[in-house]
Amino acid sequence: MVNKQKDKFLKKHEGEQSLASTSVNACFPKFSFEFCFGTDRGINKANKQVKLSVIEKVVYLSQIPWVDIKALPRESGFERIDKGSFKKLTNIPNKFESENKIVVFRLPSELGRLIGYIEEETFFVVWIDTKFNMYHH
């Protein structure tokens, strides 16, 4: 009985999944810090000035759809960096182990970088690099 209901539901909504993936660019970003607490570079380890800078960056980006964020220059938007360019990555979340590119957002006032992964419309912050030594520039 449950499988029939599930199949009926999926059939009814089958077009929505492809529509959702094509409309991510029109979405405003979401930010998750769920993976950022198990590292020595987590938000909980940052000083007040860096925490304020993170909030400013998140507020700024939250007002812009992904399509426009992707068009920003890397200094105000983001860049994708090869995993091999990083010196040492600790505590990579299991769900991102196979990712070859890591996303980097720069913080205002050159206070550091938010480093993590994008999935759908969500940016998962994993590390905050305030020493500018996580990857080769």
Protein backbone atom coordinates (compact mmCIF):
# COMPACT_ATOMS: atom_id res chain seq x y z
CA MET A 1 0.00 0.00 0.00
CA VAL A 2 2.79 2.44 0.93
CA ASN A 3 4.67 1.77 -2.33
CA LYS A 4 1.55 2.51 -4.39
CA GLN A 5 1.10 5.81 -2.58
CA LYS A 6 4.75 6.64 -3.07
CA ASP A 7 4.61 5.78 -6.79
CA LYS A 8 1.45 7.86 -7.19
CA PHE A 9 3.08 10.81 -5.43
CA LEU A 10 6.29 10.53 -7.51
CA LYS A 11 4.35 10.28 -10.76
CA LYS A 12 2.30 13.34 -9.84
CA HIS A 13 5.46 15.35 -9.07
CA GLU A 14 7.96 13.89 -11.56
CA GLY A 15 8.40 17.12 -13.51
CA GLU A 16 9.08 19.16 -10.40
CA GLN A 17 12.48 17.56 -9.75
CA SER A 18 13.93 18.67 -13.09
CA LEU A 19 12.30 22.06 -12.69
CA ALA A 20 13.89 22.42 -9.26
CA SER A 21 17.39 21.72 -10.55
CA THR A 22 17.08 24.23 -13.39
CA SER A 23 15.66 26.91 -11.13
CA VAL A 24 18.44 26.78 -8.49
CA ASN A 25 20.06 29.75 -10.21
CA ALA A 26 16.94 31.80 -9.48
CA CYS A 27 17.05 30.86 -5.79
CA PHE A 28 18.63 32.91 -3.07
CA PRO A 29 21.44 31.09 -1.26
CA LYS A 30 21.07 29.28 2.00
CA PHE A 31 23.99 28.90 4.37
CA SER A 32 24.70 25.98 6.65
CA PHE A 33 27.32 25.84 9.39
CA GLU A 34 26.46 22.28 10.45
CA PHE A 35 29.90 20.94 9.40
CA CYS A 36 31.86 23.91 10.70
CA PHE A 37 32.03 22.97 14.37
CA GLY A 38 34.18 19.85 14.22
CA THR A 39 37.24 21.64 12.89
CA ASP A 40 39.95 23.85 14.35
CA ARG A 41 38.86 26.43 11.78
CA GLY A 42 35.20 26.53 12.75
CA ILE A 43 33.00 29.54 13.39
CA ASN A 44 33.18 28.81 17.11
CA LYS A 45 36.97 29.35 16.99
CA ALA A 46 36.76 32.72 15.20
CA ASN A 47 37.15 36.03 16.99
CA LYS A 48 34.29 38.56 17.19
CA GLN A 49 35.56 40.62 14.25
CA VAL A 50 35.62 37.56 11.98
CA LYS A 51 32.19 36.43 13.20
CA LEU A 52 30.79 39.87 12.36
CA SER A 53 32.43 39.71 8.96
CA VAL A 54 30.84 36.29 8.33
CA ILE A 55 27.43 37.69 9.22
CA GLU A 56 27.96 40.67 6.90
CA LYS A 57 28.94 38.36 4.05
CA VAL A 58 25.99 36.02 4.60
CA VAL A 59 23.54 38.94 4.79
CA TYR A 60 24.99 40.46 1.61
CA LEU A 61 24.86 37.20 -0.36
CA SER A 62 21.41 36.28 0.96
CA GLN A 63 19.96 39.21 -0.99
CA ILE A 64 21.31 38.05 -4.34
CA PRO A 65 20.13 35.05 -6.40
CA TRP A 66 22.71 32.39 -7.30
CA VAL A 67 22.73 33.44 -10.95
CA ASP A 68 23.99 36.90 -9.93
CA ILE A 69 26.43 35.55 -7.34
CA LYS A 70 27.98 33.35 -10.02
CA ALA A 71 28.49 36.45 -12.17
CA LEU A 72 30.32 38.39 -9.44
CA PRO A 73 34.11 38.68 -9.57
CA ARG A 74 35.78 36.19 -7.25
CA GLU A 75 36.72 38.94 -4.79
CA SER A 76 33.05 39.53 -3.92
CA GLY A 77 31.63 36.24 -5.15
CA PHE A 78 33.31 32.87 -5.01
CA GLU A 79 35.75 30.64 -6.81
CA ARG A 80 36.11 26.88 -7.09
CA ILE A 81 39.56 25.56 -6.25
CA ASP A 82 40.91 22.09 -6.97
CA LYS A 83 41.07 19.90 -3.89
CA GLY A 84 44.74 19.19 -4.71
CA SER A 85 45.62 22.87 -4.19
CA PHE A 86 44.81 22.61 -0.49
CA LYS A 87 47.68 21.89 1.87
CA LYS A 88 45.72 19.88 4.39
CA LEU A 89 42.00 19.26 4.69
CA THR A 90 40.73 17.84 7.94
CA ASN A 91 37.19 16.80 8.74
CA ILE A 92 35.81 16.69 5.20
CA PRO A 93 32.14 15.77 5.59
CA ASN A 94 31.40 12.29 4.23
CA LYS A 95 28.84 13.62 1.79
CA PHE A 96 31.55 15.73 0.10
CA GLU A 97 34.47 13.25 0.15
CA SER A 98 34.30 12.69 -3.61
CA GLU A 99 34.11 16.38 -4.54
CA ASN A 100 37.16 17.57 -6.49
CA LYS A 101 36.41 21.30 -6.26
CA ILE A 102 36.08 23.31 -3.08
CA VAL A 103 34.25 26.64 -2.95
CA VAL A 104 35.88 29.73 -1.45
CA PHE A 105 34.10 32.98 -0.54
CA ARG A 106 36.25 35.89 0.59
CA LEU A 107 35.23 37.78 3.71
CA PRO A 108 35.06 41.60 3.76
CA SER A 109 38.12 43.55 4.92
CA GLU A 110 40.39 40.62 4.06
CA LEU A 111 39.62 38.93 7.37
CA GLY A 112 39.56 35.46 5.92
CA ARG A 113 37.71 33.04 3.69
CA LEU A 114 34.65 30.85 4.01
CA ILE A 115 35.54 27.46 2.55
CA GLY A 116 33.13 24.65 1.85
CA TYR A 117 30.77 23.10 -0.67
CA ILE A 118 27.67 24.05 -2.62
CA GLU A 119 24.81 21.59 -2.91
CA GLU A 120 21.66 22.80 -4.68
CA GLU A 121 21.11 26.31 -3.30
CA THR A 122 22.97 25.73 -0.02
CA PHE A 123 26.55 26.67 0.76
CA PHE A 124 27.92 24.42 3.51
CA VAL A 125 30.65 26.24 5.42
CA VAL A 126 33.24 23.74 6.65
CA TRP A 127 36.29 25.92 7.34
CA ILE A 128 37.01 29.57 8.01
CA ASP A 129 40.56 30.38 6.93
CA THR A 130 41.70 33.49 8.80
CA LYS A 131 45.41 32.71 8.42
CA PHE A 132 45.26 32.46 4.61
CA ASN A 133 47.28 29.25 4.68
CA MET A 134 44.86 26.50 3.71
CA TYR A 135 45.73 26.44 0.01
CA HIS A 136 48.39 27.56 -2.45
CA HIS A 137 47.59 30.96 -3.97
